[in-house]
Amino acid sequence: MLHRLHIKNIALISEADIEFDDKLNVLSGETGSGKSVILDSINFVLGSKADKTMIRFGEQEATVRAEFIVDENSAAAEILREYDIETDGEIIITRRLNVDGKGSIKLNGNTVTATMLKSVTQHLVDVHGQSEHFFLLNEENQLKVIDGICGAQVAEIKHNLADLIAQKRELKSKIAALGGDESERERKLDLLKFQISEIESAELKVGEFEELKARQNIIANTEKIFSALNTAHSLLSDDGGSIDGISSSKHYLNTISGFGEDYEQIAARLENLSVEASDIAETLSDLADNLTFDEQEASYIDERLTLIKALKKKYGEDEEHILRFLEDAKAEYDAISDSANAIEKYEKGIFECDGKIFALCQKLTDLRKNTADKFCKAVTAELKTLNIQNASFEVQFNEYDRQTANLQSANGSDIICFMFSANKGEPLKPLSKVISGGEMSRFMLAVKTQLKDLNGISTYIFDEIDAGISGYTAKTVAEKFIKISQNTQILAVSHLPQVCAASSAQFLIYKVEESAKTLTKVKRLTDDEKISEIVRLTGSVKSDAATEHARELINQFKN
């Protein structure tokens, strides 16, 4: 319920603080007194489009603060928790707007967006004015209303539908893992066969790519290598080269090796160096002799490297990964090739699931139709008491069969539309297309009398629902307000003395002049002031008789 509303600098309201009752709250006042400002403020704090023209003239910022008290397990509280916003059943919304068109929104002290705000407030308040679209105009909500009336029976069927749809989804997943339907399996087998053949024909070896790259590098530098080998060989073997120098050094050291161990060791080392240098020279000569440039080999290596690069791009980062892909592809090919029996079994399971789903959809439709028929009759009867004598109201269901049914939704296969006609002889048409503002308010009142808060909303706001109503119908409206307010808080703007008499809290909206400025004020009336307001609304002159009549109006709505 909306416990408190604080308004600052909205239109003609400088500041107002309103504490509402949890049952029937009625706002009255002279035409133009500012009742619409209260509703505009509520719409603003609920998330409607902000308009800076609503800011009081001469002020820089407007603020509206709304305090709600809800059940901790309510839909609004659950959404707050999804946003990581704490609540113990209290929801405080503060919305500001400045003259630059900038504003802020806070939920329990946390900054949120307008979209986040609306996701919460749609579960808090339903505003019904003559220009408002509301819950029941949305055809998706119309189905929710019927299901809400059906109660646990519908919930059980939907639960069973959800289970069957989950089973079907699992079976489809298994078929997909085996390649899908027959055409998909054939496409998959063709692809796997090509991949297997492509990799096998390459005859890859682990490490081959790096070996080929090394060989390619040698071929590309043959001339440079040949030159280096020959030059090194010449420096070692030519006359006067390194080997000759080592040999001469060894000869001189041998002549003195007998004079000491150090000389003998050096002579031995020169002997070893001579042998090693001669071996190196011979190796260099052999390497140079064996070094050749084979254009055909170079071409082969280029082609082979290109092939391996292409395979790496498709199947893995190196030969090992490519060969692993090959083994997996072979295993998958064998599994799909042998999957016909398993897929046939899964497809049969899906067919059986669809049969059970269709049967449940039909059962759900029958339940909804029976409930809708009773609901429509009850609402039509309510409408007649609300002075729409020729009202006709039906719920139209789409037709479907096994082929056209929606077998993918736990909500069943029904698409419905509320059909309405207010006048005798006029055909039924979709509710949103034919109902007028005044009729809409009374229609909503009739529906809410039947629903008793099935949509989970804790506060209803009715804006001048009594337009064009008087006499017995006015008394009926008041009685229906009382009935609804036993479970759901109501805020109603009304000019009917009967509705005011039925209120549990009566508020007067009025204008005053202060410091050469016009201000709108809000006042909760005392019992005596409420009587005076009812007298005013009846159009009577203040008298003992008029006062007594007002008291009688109030008394007839007391328990």
Protein backbone atom coordinates (compact mmCIF):
# COMPACT_ATOMS: atom_id res chain seq x y z
CA MET A 1 0.00 0.00 0.00
CA LEU A 2 0.98 3.62 -0.48
CA HIS A 3 1.58 4.75 3.10
CA ARG A 4 2.85 8.30 2.60
CA LEU A 5 3.26 10.74 -0.28
CA HIS A 6 5.43 13.85 -0.02
CA ILE A 7 5.16 16.44 -2.81
CA LYS A 8 7.35 19.51 -3.20
CA ASN A 9 7.16 22.19 -5.92
CA ILE A 10 4.76 20.36 -8.25
CA ALA A 11 2.45 22.76 -10.14
CA LEU A 12 0.54 24.79 -7.52
CA ILE A 13 1.66 22.61 -4.63
CA SER A 14 4.50 24.18 -2.68
CA GLU A 15 4.71 21.28 -0.25
CA ALA A 16 2.28 18.59 0.83
CA ASP A 17 2.63 15.54 3.03
CA ILE A 18 -0.19 12.99 2.79
CA GLU A 19 -0.54 9.88 4.93
CA PHE A 20 -3.03 7.44 3.44
CA ASP A 21 -5.24 4.85 5.05
CA ASP A 22 -4.87 1.19 4.00
CA LYS A 23 -8.49 0.95 2.76
CA LEU A 24 -10.62 3.50 0.89
CA ASN A 25 -9.05 6.96 0.50
CA VAL A 26 -11.19 9.55 -1.29
CA LEU A 27 -9.91 12.87 -2.68
CA SER A 28 -12.48 15.57 -3.37
CA GLY A 29 -12.52 19.27 -4.05
CA GLU A 30 -13.85 21.95 -6.33
CA THR A 31 -13.17 21.67 -10.06
CA GLY A 32 -9.70 23.08 -10.72
CA SER A 33 -8.61 22.78 -7.12
CA GLY A 34 -5.67 20.57 -8.05
CA LYS A 35 -6.84 16.99 -7.64
CA SER A 36 -5.13 16.08 -10.91
CA VAL A 37 -1.85 17.44 -9.50
CA ILE A 38 -1.94 14.75 -6.82
CA LEU A 39 -2.42 12.04 -9.46
CA ASP A 40 0.24 13.58 -11.70
CA SER A 41 2.65 13.50 -8.76
CA ILE A 42 1.88 9.83 -8.14
CA ASN A 43 2.34 9.00 -11.83
CA PHE A 44 5.63 10.90 -11.79
CA VAL A 45 7.03 8.99 -8.82
CA LEU A 46 5.83 5.71 -10.36
CA GLY A 47 7.95 6.33 -13.45
CA SER A 48 5.84 8.20 -16.01
CA LYS A 49 7.59 10.52 -18.46
CA ALA A 50 9.01 13.56 -16.72
CA ASP A 51 7.94 17.01 -17.91
CA LYS A 52 9.76 20.05 -16.52
CA THR A 53 6.63 22.18 -16.98
CA MET A 54 5.23 20.45 -13.89
CA ILE A 55 7.84 22.25 -11.73
CA ARG A 56 6.28 25.04 -9.69
CA PHE A 57 6.89 28.47 -11.24
CA GLY A 58 9.93 30.19 -9.80
CA GLU A 59 11.44 26.98 -8.36
CA GLN A 60 14.49 25.09 -9.62
CA GLU A 61 13.53 21.55 -8.67
CA ALA A 62 10.49 19.37 -7.99
CA THR A 63 10.51 16.31 -5.75
CA VAL A 64 8.05 13.53 -5.02
CA ARG A 65 8.67 10.88 -2.38
CA ALA A 66 6.44 7.82 -2.00
CA GLU A 67 6.63 5.32 0.85
CA PHE A 68 5.09 1.89 0.26
CA ILE A 69 4.55 -0.96 2.67
CA VAL A 70 4.41 -4.37 1.00
CA ASP A 71 4.73 -8.03 1.89
CA GLU A 72 8.37 -9.14 1.97
CA ASN A 73 7.51 -11.93 -0.48
CA SER A 74 5.66 -9.67 -2.93
CA ALA A 75 6.68 -9.40 -6.59
CA ALA A 76 7.91 -5.83 -6.04
CA ALA A 77 10.15 -6.92 -3.16
CA GLU A 78 11.52 -9.82 -5.20
CA ILE A 79 12.49 -7.48 -8.04
CA LEU A 80 14.24 -5.17 -5.60
CA ARG A 81 16.30 -8.10 -4.37
CA GLU A 82 17.19 -8.99 -7.96
CA TYR A 83 18.64 -5.47 -8.20
CA ASP A 84 20.59 -6.08 -4.95
CA ILE A 85 18.46 -3.49 -3.17
CA GLU A 86 17.58 -4.41 0.40
CA THR A 87 14.01 -4.19 1.66
CA ASP A 88 12.23 -5.34 4.79
CA GLY A 89 8.81 -4.69 3.27
CA GLU A 90 9.28 -0.93 2.95
CA ILE A 91 9.85 0.58 -0.49
CA ILE A 92 10.77 4.26 -0.64
CA ILE A 93 10.88 5.97 -4.03
CA THR A 94 12.31 9.47 -4.41
CA ARG A 95 12.24 11.19 -7.78
CA ARG A 96 13.60 14.65 -8.57
CA LEU A 97 13.44 16.83 -11.68
CA ASN A 98 15.12 20.20 -12.23
CA VAL A 99 14.42 23.00 -14.69
CA ASP A 100 17.21 21.77 -16.98
CA GLY A 101 15.24 18.59 -17.56
CA LYS A 102 17.70 16.49 -15.56
CA GLY A 103 16.58 14.31 -12.73
CA SER A 104 17.32 11.40 -10.44
CA ILE A 105 15.46 8.33 -9.18
CA LYS A 106 16.24 6.43 -6.01
CA LEU A 107 14.80 3.20 -4.66
CA ASN A 108 15.52 2.69 -0.96
CA GLY A 109 18.43 5.09 -1.36
CA ASN A 110 19.87 3.35 -4.46
CA THR A 111 20.04 5.24 -7.76
CA VAL A 112 18.08 3.43 -10.50
CA THR A 113 16.89 4.04 -14.05
CA ALA A 114 13.31 4.79 -15.08
CA THR A 115 13.05 1.30 -16.58
CA MET A 116 14.16 -0.29 -13.31
CA LEU A 117 11.67 1.89 -11.43
CA LYS A 118 8.76 0.83 -13.65
CA SER A 119 9.65 -2.84 -13.27
CA VAL A 120 9.00 -2.40 -9.55
CA THR A 121 6.07 0.02 -9.53
CA GLN A 122 4.04 -2.01 -12.03
CA HIS A 123 3.54 -4.41 -9.13
CA LEU A 124 2.63 -1.67 -6.66
CA VAL A 125 0.00 0.61 -8.18
CA ASP A 126 -2.57 0.42 -10.95
CA VAL A 127 -3.82 3.85 -12.03
CA HIS A 128 -7.21 3.95 -13.71
CA GLY A 129 -8.11 7.22 -15.30
CA GLN A 130 -10.21 8.04 -18.33
CA SER A 131 -7.11 8.38 -20.50
CA GLU A 132 -5.09 5.56 -18.92
CA HIS A 133 -4.28 2.21 -20.45
CA PHE A 134 -4.21 -0.34 -17.68
CA PHE A 135 -3.53 -3.91 -16.81
CA LEU A 136 -6.49 -5.51 -18.56
CA LEU A 137 -6.02 -3.78 -21.93
CA ASN A 138 -2.93 -5.91 -22.52
CA GLU A 139 -4.04 -9.24 -24.00
CA GLU A 140 -1.15 -11.08 -22.35
CA ASN A 141 -2.43 -9.83 -19.00
CA GLN A 142 -5.95 -10.93 -19.90
CA LEU A 143 -4.73 -14.54 -20.03
CA LYS A 144 -2.96 -14.03 -16.70
CA VAL A 145 -6.25 -12.84 -15.19
CA ILE A 146 -8.10 -15.95 -16.33
CA ASP A 147 -5.28 -18.19 -15.07
CA GLY A 148 -5.27 -16.34 -11.76
CA ILE A 149 -8.95 -17.12 -11.31
CA CYS A 150 -8.35 -20.78 -12.24
CA GLY A 151 -5.76 -20.98 -9.50
CA ALA A 152 -3.96 -24.19 -8.53
CA GLN A 153 -5.44 -26.29 -11.34
CA VAL A 154 -3.80 -24.15 -14.01
CA ALA A 155 -0.53 -24.02 -12.05
CA GLU A 156 -0.41 -27.82 -11.95
CA ILE A 157 -1.05 -28.16 -15.69
CA LYS A 158 1.59 -25.55 -16.47
CA HIS A 159 4.06 -27.39 -14.24
CA ASN A 160 3.39 -30.64 -16.14
CA LEU A 161 3.75 -28.81 -19.45
CA ALA A 162 7.09 -27.40 -18.35
CA ASP A 163 8.31 -30.89 -17.44
CA LEU A 164 7.27 -32.34 -20.81
CA ILE A 165 8.85 -29.45 -22.71
CA ALA A 166 12.08 -29.97 -20.76
CA GLN A 167 12.01 -33.68 -21.67
CA LYS A 168 11.47 -32.81 -25.32
CA ARG A 169 14.31 -30.29 -25.24
CA GLU A 170 16.64 -32.96 -23.80
CA LEU A 171 15.67 -35.45 -26.53
CA LYS A 172 16.30 -32.83 -29.20
CA SER A 173 19.68 -32.13 -27.64
CA LYS A 174 20.57 -35.81 -27.86
CA ILE A 175 19.53 -35.92 -31.51
CA ALA A 176 21.56 -32.80 -32.22
CA ALA A 177 24.59 -34.46 -30.61
CA LEU A 178 24.13 -37.36 -33.03
CA GLY A 179 23.91 -35.08 -36.04
CA GLY A 180 20.30 -33.96 -35.96
CA ASP A 181 17.67 -35.24 -38.42
CA GLU A 182 18.48 -37.45 -41.42
CA SER A 183 19.41 -34.60 -43.75
CA GLU A 184 21.53 -32.95 -41.05
CA ARG A 185 23.27 -36.26 -40.36
CA GLU A 186 24.06 -36.73 -44.05
CA ARG A 187 25.53 -33.23 -44.21
CA LYS A 188 27.56 -33.91 -41.08
CA LEU A 189 28.83 -37.25 -42.39
CA ASP A 190 29.85 -35.67 -45.70
CA LEU A 191 31.77 -32.97 -43.86
CA LEU A 192 33.47 -35.45 -41.52
CA LYS A 193 34.36 -37.72 -44.44
CA PHE A 194 35.98 -34.80 -46.26
CA GLN A 195 37.90 -33.72 -43.14
CA ILE A 196 39.14 -37.24 -42.44
CA SER A 197 40.23 -37.72 -46.04
CA GLU A 198 41.95 -34.33 -46.18
CA ILE A 199 44.01 -35.00 -43.05
CA GLU A 200 44.81 -38.64 -43.82
CA SER A 201 45.95 -37.87 -47.35
CA ALA A 202 48.45 -35.35 -45.95
CA GLU A 203 50.26 -38.16 -44.07
CA LEU A 204 51.42 -35.78 -41.37
CA LYS A 205 54.24 -36.48 -38.94
CA VAL A 206 54.63 -34.73 -35.59
CA GLY A 207 57.36 -32.08 -35.88
CA GLU A 208 57.34 -32.14 -39.69
CA PHE A 209 56.50 -28.48 -40.10
CA GLU A 210 59.53 -27.30 -38.12
CA GLU A 211 61.81 -29.73 -39.97
CA LEU A 212 60.59 -28.44 -43.32
CA LYS A 213 61.04 -24.84 -42.21
CA ALA A 214 64.65 -25.61 -41.25
CA ARG A 215 65.35 -27.32 -44.59
CA GLN A 216 63.69 -24.43 -46.45
CA ASN A 217 65.99 -22.02 -44.64
CA ILE A 218 69.09 -23.98 -45.77
CA ILE A 219 67.95 -24.08 -49.38
CA ALA A 220 67.25 -20.37 -49.35
CA ASN A 221 70.83 -19.70 -48.09
CA THR A 222 72.76 -22.32 -50.14
CA GLU A 223 75.12 -19.83 -51.79
CA LYS A 224 75.96 -18.13 -48.51
CA ILE A 225 76.59 -21.48 -46.79
CA PHE A 226 78.76 -22.77 -49.68
CA SER A 227 80.89 -19.62 -49.61
CA ALA A 228 81.36 -19.82 -45.85
CA LEU A 229 82.36 -23.51 -45.97
CA ASN A 230 84.92 -22.98 -48.77
CA THR A 231 86.42 -19.90 -47.15
CA ALA A 232 86.78 -21.65 -43.82
CA HIS A 233 88.33 -24.70 -45.54
CA SER A 234 90.86 -22.53 -47.38
CA LEU A 235 91.89 -20.70 -44.22
CA LEU A 236 92.62 -24.04 -42.60
CA SER A 237 94.13 -26.09 -45.48
CA ASP A 238 95.77 -23.77 -47.99
CA ASP A 239 99.59 -23.37 -47.98
CA GLY A 240 100.53 -21.19 -45.07
CA GLY A 241 97.07 -21.76 -43.57
CA SER A 242 96.12 -22.62 -40.03
CA ILE A 243 97.01 -26.30 -40.28
CA ASP A 244 100.53 -25.46 -41.54
CA GLY A 245 100.95 -22.97 -38.70
CA ILE A 246 99.85 -25.56 -36.13
CA SER A 247 102.26 -28.15 -37.64
CA SER A 248 105.23 -25.74 -37.46
CA SER A 249 104.34 -24.82 -33.87
CA LYS A 250 104.14 -28.51 -32.96
CA HIS A 251 107.65 -29.15 -34.54
CA TYR A 252 109.27 -26.41 -32.46
CA LEU A 253 107.63 -27.54 -29.23
CA ASN A 254 108.73 -31.13 -29.79
CA THR A 255 112.38 -29.97 -29.77
CA ILE A 256 112.03 -28.67 -26.20
CA SER A 257 109.50 -31.08 -24.75
CA GLY A 258 112.28 -32.97 -22.98
CA PHE A 259 113.18 -29.89 -20.88
CA GLY A 260 110.09 -29.89 -18.80
CA GLU A 261 106.57 -31.21 -18.27
CA ASP A 262 104.90 -27.92 -19.25
CA TYR A 263 106.58 -27.97 -22.67
CA GLU A 264 105.62 -31.59 -23.16
CA GLN A 265 101.94 -30.86 -22.34
CA ILE A 266 101.76 -27.96 -24.80
CA ALA A 267 103.34 -30.11 -27.51
CA ALA A 268 100.68 -32.79 -26.87
CA ARG A 269 97.91 -30.22 -27.08
CA LEU A 270 99.26 -28.96 -30.41
CA GLU A 271 99.23 -32.53 -31.63
CA ASN A 272 95.54 -32.84 -30.72
CA LEU A 273 94.79 -29.45 -32.27
CA SER A 274 96.49 -30.51 -35.48
CA VAL A 275 94.39 -33.65 -35.71
CA GLU A 276 91.16 -31.69 -34.90
CA ALA A 277 91.96 -28.95 -37.46
CA SER A 278 92.63 -31.54 -40.14
CA ASP A 279 89.31 -33.30 -39.30
CA ILE A 280 87.42 -29.99 -39.41
CA ALA A 281 88.96 -29.15 -42.78
CA GLU A 282 87.92 -32.54 -44.11
CA THR A 283 84.37 -32.11 -42.74
CA LEU A 284 84.11 -28.65 -44.31
CA SER A 285 85.20 -30.13 -47.62
CA ASP A 286 82.59 -32.90 -47.35
CA LEU A 287 79.82 -30.44 -46.43
CA ALA A 288 80.72 -28.24 -49.37
CA ASP A 289 80.82 -31.24 -51.72
CA ASN A 290 77.40 -32.44 -50.50
CA LEU A 291 75.76 -29.00 -50.61
CA THR A 292 73.41 -28.83 -53.61
CA PHE A 293 70.41 -26.75 -54.66
CA ASP A 294 67.49 -28.92 -55.80
CA GLU A 295 64.79 -26.76 -57.33
CA GLN A 296 62.33 -29.65 -57.25
CA GLU A 297 62.96 -30.18 -53.53
CA ALA A 298 62.49 -26.46 -52.85
CA SER A 299 59.17 -26.52 -54.69
CA TYR A 300 58.07 -29.63 -52.77
CA ILE A 301 58.92 -28.02 -49.42
CA ASP A 302 57.00 -24.85 -50.31
CA GLU A 303 53.93 -26.86 -51.29
CA ARG A 304 54.16 -29.05 -48.22
CA LEU A 305 54.44 -26.09 -45.88
CA THR A 306 51.45 -24.44 -47.56
CA LEU A 307 49.41 -27.61 -47.09
CA ILE A 308 50.31 -27.94 -43.42
CA LYS A 309 49.53 -24.26 -42.81
CA ALA A 310 46.08 -24.77 -44.33
CA LEU A 311 45.46 -27.81 -42.13
CA LYS A 312 46.64 -25.94 -39.03
CA LYS A 313 44.23 -23.11 -39.82
CA LYS A 314 41.32 -25.58 -40.02
CA TYR A 315 42.08 -28.25 -37.47
CA GLY A 316 44.70 -27.25 -34.90
CA GLU A 317 47.80 -25.28 -33.99
CA ASP A 318 50.28 -28.06 -34.81
CA GLU A 319 50.54 -31.60 -36.22
CA GLU A 320 49.70 -33.17 -32.87
CA HIS A 321 46.43 -31.22 -32.58
CA ILE A 322 45.54 -31.95 -36.21
CA LEU A 323 46.04 -35.68 -35.70
CA ARG A 324 43.96 -35.52 -32.53
CA PHE A 325 41.19 -33.80 -34.51
CA LEU A 326 41.44 -36.66 -37.02
CA GLU A 327 40.88 -39.26 -34.31
CA ASP A 328 37.89 -37.33 -32.91
CA ALA A 329 36.40 -36.94 -36.38
CA LYS A 330 36.73 -40.67 -37.02
CA ALA A 331 35.01 -41.43 -33.69
CA GLU A 332 32.18 -38.98 -34.43
CA TYR A 333 31.78 -40.39 -37.95
CA ASP A 334 31.42 -43.89 -36.56
CA ALA A 335 28.94 -42.72 -33.89
CA ILE A 336 26.71 -40.88 -36.39
CA SER A 337 26.88 -43.76 -38.83
CA ASP A 338 25.61 -46.09 -36.10
CA SER A 339 23.05 -43.59 -34.64
CA ALA A 340 19.99 -44.38 -36.76
CA ASN A 341 18.39 -46.63 -34.14
CA ALA A 342 19.06 -44.22 -31.27
CA ILE A 343 17.69 -41.23 -33.22
CA GLU A 344 14.59 -43.18 -34.18
CA LYS A 345 14.04 -43.87 -30.49
CA TYR A 346 14.53 -40.19 -29.55
CA GLU A 347 12.22 -38.97 -32.33
CA LYS A 348 9.54 -41.37 -31.14
CA GLY A 349 9.97 -39.92 -27.64
CA ILE A 350 9.51 -36.38 -28.99
CA PHE A 351 6.35 -37.42 -30.83
CA GLU A 352 4.96 -38.93 -27.64
CA CYS A 353 5.85 -35.77 -25.67
CA ASP A 354 4.05 -33.63 -28.25
CA GLY A 355 0.98 -35.82 -27.90
CA LYS A 356 0.96 -35.39 -24.13
CA ILE A 357 1.61 -31.64 -24.46
CA PHE A 358 -1.28 -31.25 -26.90
CA ALA A 359 -3.59 -33.15 -24.56
CA LEU A 360 -2.59 -30.89 -21.65
CA CYS A 361 -3.09 -27.79 -23.83
CA GLN A 362 -6.63 -28.96 -24.59
CA LYS A 363 -7.25 -29.63 -20.91
CA LEU A 364 -5.91 -26.16 -20.07
CA THR A 365 -8.12 -24.57 -22.73
CA ASP A 366 -11.24 -26.33 -21.40
CA LEU A 367 -10.44 -25.17 -17.87
CA ARG A 368 -9.84 -21.60 -19.04
CA LYS A 369 -13.02 -21.53 -21.12
CA ASN A 370 -15.17 -22.74 -18.20
CA THR A 371 -13.56 -20.20 -15.88
CA ALA A 372 -13.84 -17.40 -18.45
CA ASP A 373 -17.55 -18.13 -18.99
CA LYS A 374 -18.30 -17.78 -15.26
CA PHE A 375 -16.06 -14.72 -15.02
CA CYS A 376 -17.78 -12.98 -17.93
CA LYS A 377 -21.23 -13.63 -16.50
CA ALA A 378 -20.19 -12.26 -13.12
CA VAL A 379 -18.59 -9.13 -14.63
CA THR A 380 -21.61 -8.54 -16.86
CA ALA A 381 -23.88 -8.70 -13.83
CA GLU A 382 -21.64 -6.21 -12.04
CA LEU A 383 -21.74 -3.88 -15.05
CA LYS A 384 -25.53 -3.88 -15.06
CA THR A 385 -25.50 -2.67 -11.45
CA LEU A 386 -23.09 0.05 -12.56
CA ASN A 387 -25.60 1.43 -15.04
CA ILE A 388 -24.28 -0.28 -18.19
CA GLN A 389 -27.52 -2.18 -18.66
CA ASN A 390 -26.82 -3.63 -22.11
CA ALA A 391 -23.22 -4.67 -21.47
CA SER A 392 -21.96 -7.82 -23.17
CA PHE A 393 -18.62 -9.33 -22.25
CA GLU A 394 -16.98 -12.50 -23.56
CA VAL A 395 -13.52 -14.01 -23.78
CA GLN A 396 -12.59 -15.03 -27.32
CA PHE A 397 -10.26 -18.03 -27.65
CA ASN A 398 -8.25 -18.82 -30.76
CA GLU A 399 -8.89 -22.19 -32.35
CA TYR A 400 -6.04 -24.66 -32.83
CA ASP A 401 -5.39 -28.30 -33.69
CA ARG A 402 -2.41 -30.66 -33.38
CA GLN A 403 -0.70 -29.02 -36.38
CA THR A 404 -1.25 -25.38 -35.39
CA ALA A 405 -0.93 -25.70 -31.60
CA ASN A 406 1.99 -24.07 -29.83
CA LEU A 407 3.71 -27.09 -28.28
CA GLN A 408 6.76 -25.14 -27.11
CA SER A 409 5.25 -23.06 -24.30
CA ALA A 410 4.43 -24.02 -20.73
CA ASN A 411 1.70 -21.37 -20.96
CA GLY A 412 -0.28 -23.56 -23.31
CA SER A 413 -1.52 -22.80 -26.81
CA ASP A 414 -4.24 -20.27 -26.03
CA ILE A 415 -4.40 -16.74 -27.35
CA ILE A 416 -7.37 -14.86 -25.91
CA CYS A 417 -8.99 -11.48 -26.25
CA PHE A 418 -11.53 -9.75 -24.01
CA MET A 419 -14.50 -8.81 -26.23
CA PHE A 420 -16.92 -6.07 -25.14
CA SER A 421 -20.02 -4.23 -26.21
CA ALA A 422 -21.77 -1.57 -24.14
CA ASN A 423 -24.79 -1.09 -26.36
CA LYS A 424 -27.63 -3.36 -27.40
CA GLY A 425 -27.34 -4.55 -30.99
CA GLU A 426 -23.65 -3.64 -31.26
CA PRO A 427 -21.24 -6.51 -32.05
CA LEU A 428 -18.57 -7.57 -29.60
CA LYS A 429 -15.15 -6.09 -30.36
CA PRO A 430 -11.77 -6.16 -28.61
CA LEU A 431 -12.01 -4.33 -25.29
CA SER A 432 -9.23 -1.88 -26.10
CA LYS A 433 -10.93 -0.83 -29.36
CA VAL A 434 -14.48 -0.02 -28.24
CA ILE A 435 -14.70 0.90 -24.57
CA SER A 436 -14.96 4.57 -23.60
CA GLY A 437 -13.15 6.18 -20.70
CA GLY A 438 -16.19 6.25 -18.38
CA GLU A 439 -17.17 2.72 -19.34
CA MET A 440 -13.59 1.60 -18.87
CA SER A 441 -13.50 2.83 -15.28
CA ARG A 442 -16.73 1.05 -14.40
CA PHE A 443 -15.62 -2.06 -16.30
CA MET A 444 -12.39 -2.07 -14.32
CA LEU A 445 -14.32 -1.64 -11.09
CA ALA A 446 -16.54 -4.59 -12.00
CA VAL A 447 -13.52 -6.73 -12.84
CA LYS A 448 -11.63 -5.76 -9.69
CA THR A 449 -14.68 -6.62 -7.61
CA GLN A 450 -14.41 -10.15 -9.02
CA LEU A 451 -10.62 -10.49 -9.04
CA LYS A 452 -9.96 -9.50 -5.44
CA ASP A 453 -6.29 -8.67 -6.02
CA LEU A 454 -5.36 -11.61 -8.24
CA ASN A 455 -2.77 -9.53 -10.11
CA GLY A 456 -0.84 -8.88 -6.90
CA ILE A 457 -1.13 -5.08 -7.05
CA SER A 458 -1.61 -3.52 -3.63
CA THR A 459 -3.01 -0.09 -4.58
CA TYR A 460 -5.68 0.93 -7.11
CA ILE A 461 -6.19 4.53 -8.12
CA PHE A 462 -9.46 5.56 -9.75
CA ASP A 463 -9.70 9.01 -11.32
CA GLU A 464 -13.28 10.25 -11.33
CA ILE A 465 -14.78 6.84 -11.94
CA ASP A 466 -18.15 8.32 -10.99
CA ALA A 467 -18.49 10.61 -14.03
CA GLY A 468 -22.15 10.56 -15.11
CA ILE A 469 -23.23 8.38 -12.17
CA SER A 470 -25.82 9.23 -9.53
CA GLY A 471 -28.52 7.74 -7.35
CA TYR A 472 -28.61 3.97 -6.89
CA THR A 473 -25.58 3.41 -9.15
CA ALA A 474 -23.53 5.77 -6.99
CA LYS A 475 -24.39 3.72 -3.90
CA THR A 476 -23.37 0.56 -5.78
CA VAL A 477 -20.03 2.10 -6.75
CA ALA A 478 -19.37 3.00 -3.14
CA GLU A 479 -20.23 -0.52 -1.99
CA LYS A 480 -17.89 -2.04 -4.56
CA PHE A 481 -15.12 0.30 -3.45
CA ILE A 482 -15.61 -0.90 0.12
CA LYS A 483 -15.57 -4.54 -1.00
CA ILE A 484 -12.32 -4.16 -2.95
CA SER A 485 -10.64 -2.09 -0.23
CA GLN A 486 -10.93 -4.94 2.25
CA ASN A 487 -7.93 -6.49 0.47
CA THR A 488 -6.53 -3.70 -1.69
CA GLN A 489 -5.93 -0.04 -0.89
CA ILE A 490 -7.94 2.39 -3.04
CA LEU A 491 -7.25 6.03 -3.84
CA ALA A 492 -10.26 7.54 -5.59
CA VAL A 493 -10.88 11.03 -6.92
CA SER A 494 -14.64 11.42 -6.61
CA HIS A 495 -17.46 13.93 -6.66
CA LEU A 496 -20.02 11.45 -5.36
CA PRO A 497 -21.23 12.08 -1.80
CA GLN A 498 -21.92 8.33 -1.48
CA VAL A 499 -18.28 7.44 -2.25
CA CYS A 500 -17.02 10.09 0.16
CA ALA A 501 -19.38 8.77 2.82
CA ALA A 502 -17.95 5.27 2.33
CA SER A 503 -14.33 6.42 2.69
CA SER A 504 -12.09 5.35 5.52
CA ALA A 505 -10.01 8.51 4.94
CA GLN A 506 -11.32 11.67 3.27
CA PHE A 507 -8.96 14.31 1.80
CA LEU A 508 -9.94 17.78 0.62
CA ILE A 509 -7.96 19.44 -2.17
CA TYR A 510 -8.38 23.20 -2.13
CA LYS A 511 -6.72 26.44 -3.20
CA VAL A 512 -5.55 29.38 -1.08
CA GLU A 513 -3.76 32.64 -1.75
CA GLU A 514 -0.60 33.35 0.20
CA SER A 515 1.81 36.23 -0.45
CA ALA A 516 0.03 37.03 -3.74
CA LYS A 517 0.48 33.42 -4.92
CA THR A 518 -2.09 30.69 -5.44
CA LEU A 519 -1.32 27.42 -3.69
CA THR A 520 -2.98 24.01 -3.67
CA LYS A 521 -3.35 22.43 -0.26
CA VAL A 522 -4.28 18.93 0.87
CA LYS A 523 -6.07 18.30 4.12
CA ARG A 524 -7.25 15.09 5.76
CA LEU A 525 -10.73 15.82 7.05
CA THR A 526 -11.99 15.18 10.55
CA ASP A 527 -15.33 13.46 11.01
CA ASP A 528 -17.15 16.79 11.24
CA GLU A 529 -15.28 18.22 8.26
CA LYS A 530 -16.15 15.08 6.28
CA ILE A 531 -19.83 15.69 6.99
CA SER A 532 -19.47 19.27 5.74
CA GLU A 533 -17.79 18.07 2.56
CA ILE A 534 -20.59 15.56 1.89
CA VAL A 535 -23.13 18.35 2.35
CA ARG A 536 -21.21 20.42 -0.20
CA LEU A 537 -21.10 17.52 -2.66
CA THR A 538 -24.86 16.97 -2.39
CA GLY A 539 -25.33 20.57 -3.43
CA SER A 540 -27.28 21.32 -0.27
CA VAL A 541 -27.25 24.44 1.84
CA LYS A 542 -25.63 23.81 5.22
CA SER A 543 -28.49 23.00 7.53
CA ASP A 544 -29.46 20.56 10.25
CA ALA A 545 -31.36 18.47 7.72
CA ALA A 546 -28.43 18.40 5.26
CA THR A 547 -26.04 17.50 8.08
CA GLU A 548 -28.32 14.70 9.26
CA HIS A 549 -28.60 13.40 5.71
CA ALA A 550 -24.78 13.35 5.45
CA ARG A 551 -24.57 11.39 8.71
CA GLU A 552 -27.14 8.90 7.37
CA LEU A 553 -25.02 8.43 4.22
CA ILE A 554 -21.97 7.66 6.35
CA ASN A 555 -23.86 5.32 8.67
CA GLN A 556 -25.23 3.19 5.84
CA PHE A 557 -21.69 2.21 4.87
CA LYS A 558 -20.56 1.32 8.38
CA ASN A 559 -20.39 -2.32 9.45
